[in-house]
């Protein structure tokens, strides 16, 4: 069963933003060491900032990308944040593919 992770922000959970950013980084590093891996991770809204060159999690995300996990960035979100052509990992996609990925996944996990 394929798994798709969906990330819509720069932190994990609600509450303290600094803690949320830290545990999201731990999540990415841990995910890179475990099996089975998700087929893809979709980034939308402020989550696309995690794929920017200034992202503190870029090394972990590149490691996931190198392991064959598709990192998909919403083009509308990249346009909104002025990041078109700026992502340092993954690839740009549109809402049509994002919805198709969600519909085709056996399990969708939203963080």
Protein backbone atom coordinates (compact mmCIF):
# COMPACT_ATOMS: atom_id res chain seq x y z
CA UNK A 1 0.00 0.00 0.00
CA UNK A 2 1.51 3.34 -1.05
CA UNK A 3 1.72 6.22 1.40
CA UNK A 4 1.65 9.93 0.61
CA UNK A 5 2.66 12.59 3.13
CA UNK A 6 1.16 16.07 2.80
CA UNK A 7 2.90 19.04 4.42
CA UNK A 8 1.20 22.41 4.51
CA UNK A 9 3.43 24.34 6.88
CA UNK A 10 6.92 24.86 8.19
CA UNK A 11 6.35 23.11 11.51
CA UNK A 12 4.73 20.00 12.90
CA UNK A 13 1.76 20.16 15.24
CA UNK A 14 0.30 23.16 16.96
CA UNK A 15 1.65 25.13 19.88
CA UNK A 16 5.18 26.47 20.01
CA UNK A 17 6.41 27.25 16.46
CA UNK A 18 10.08 26.74 17.37
CA UNK A 19 9.36 23.30 18.78
CA UNK A 20 7.22 22.47 15.74
CA UNK A 21 10.09 23.32 13.38
CA UNK A 22 12.50 21.23 15.43
CA UNK A 23 10.31 18.12 15.53
CA UNK A 24 9.56 18.41 11.81
CA UNK A 25 13.31 18.26 11.18
CA UNK A 26 13.55 15.21 13.42
CA UNK A 27 10.66 13.66 11.49
CA UNK A 28 12.48 14.12 8.13
CA UNK A 29 15.76 12.70 9.48
CA UNK A 30 13.96 9.72 11.04
CA UNK A 31 11.94 9.05 7.90
CA UNK A 32 15.18 8.80 5.91
CA UNK A 33 16.33 5.93 8.16
CA UNK A 34 13.17 3.82 8.23
CA UNK A 35 11.32 1.51 5.85
CA UNK A 36 8.88 1.42 4.26
CA UNK A 37 9.19 4.89 2.77
CA UNK A 38 6.34 6.96 1.38
CA UNK A 39 6.05 7.19 -2.37
CA UNK A 40 5.90 10.98 -2.26
CA UNK A 41 5.69 14.04 -0.04
CA UNK A 42 3.50 16.91 -1.22
CA UNK A 43 4.36 20.43 -0.07
CA UNK A 44 1.72 23.16 -0.31
CA UNK A 45 1.03 26.56 1.24
CA UNK A 46 3.94 27.58 3.51
CA UNK A 47 5.26 24.01 3.32
CA UNK A 48 6.88 24.85 -0.03
CA UNK A 49 9.36 27.03 1.88
CA UNK A 50 10.91 23.82 3.22
CA UNK A 51 12.27 23.15 -0.29
CA UNK A 52 13.93 26.57 -0.61
CA UNK A 53 17.73 26.95 -0.43
CA UNK A 54 17.43 28.59 3.01
CA UNK A 55 15.47 25.68 4.53
CA UNK A 56 17.04 24.25 7.70
CA UNK A 57 15.75 20.82 6.62
CA UNK A 58 17.18 20.81 3.11
CA UNK A 59 19.84 18.15 3.79
CA UNK A 60 17.27 15.71 5.16
CA UNK A 61 14.89 16.42 2.29
CA UNK A 62 17.64 15.90 -0.27
CA UNK A 63 18.44 12.57 1.39
CA UNK A 64 14.81 11.54 0.98
CA UNK A 65 14.85 12.71 -2.63
CA UNK A 66 18.03 10.68 -3.23
CA UNK A 67 16.22 7.60 -1.86
CA UNK A 68 13.55 7.93 -4.54
CA UNK A 69 10.84 9.72 -2.59
CA UNK A 70 9.18 12.29 -4.83
CA UNK A 71 9.11 15.76 -3.30
CA UNK A 72 6.30 17.68 -4.99
CA UNK A 73 5.93 21.46 -4.63
CA UNK A 74 2.65 23.21 -5.46
CA UNK A 75 3.31 25.75 -8.24
CA UNK A 76 0.54 28.12 -7.08
CA UNK A 77 2.12 28.21 -3.62
CA UNK A 78 5.60 28.78 -5.05
CA UNK A 79 4.21 31.69 -7.09
CA UNK A 80 2.53 33.16 -4.01
CA UNK A 81 5.75 33.06 -1.96
CA UNK A 82 7.97 34.20 -4.85
CA UNK A 83 9.84 30.88 -4.97
CA UNK A 84 9.28 29.81 -8.60
CA UNK A 85 12.62 28.57 -9.91
CA UNK A 86 14.10 28.71 -6.41
CA UNK A 87 13.50 25.27 -4.91
CA UNK A 88 16.64 23.32 -4.06
CA UNK A 89 15.03 19.85 -3.86
CA UNK A 90 12.09 18.12 -5.45
CA UNK A 91 10.06 19.27 -8.41
CA UNK A 92 7.24 21.65 -9.20
CA UNK A 93 3.76 20.29 -9.81
CA UNK A 94 0.18 21.49 -10.02
CA UNK A 95 -3.01 20.77 -8.11
CA UNK A 96 -4.16 18.25 -10.72
CA UNK A 97 -1.18 16.00 -10.01
CA UNK A 98 -1.45 16.57 -6.26
CA UNK A 99 -5.08 15.42 -6.28
CA UNK A 100 -4.21 12.46 -8.51
CA UNK A 101 -1.44 11.47 -6.09
CA UNK A 102 -3.88 11.67 -3.17
CA UNK A 103 -6.53 9.63 -4.95
CA UNK A 104 -4.01 7.00 -6.00
CA UNK A 105 -2.39 6.59 -2.59
CA UNK A 106 -3.37 3.78 -0.29
CA UNK A 107 -2.87 6.11 2.66
CA UNK A 108 -2.56 9.91 2.91
CA UNK A 109 -0.92 11.35 6.04
CA UNK A 110 -1.24 15.09 6.63
CA UNK A 111 1.28 16.75 8.95
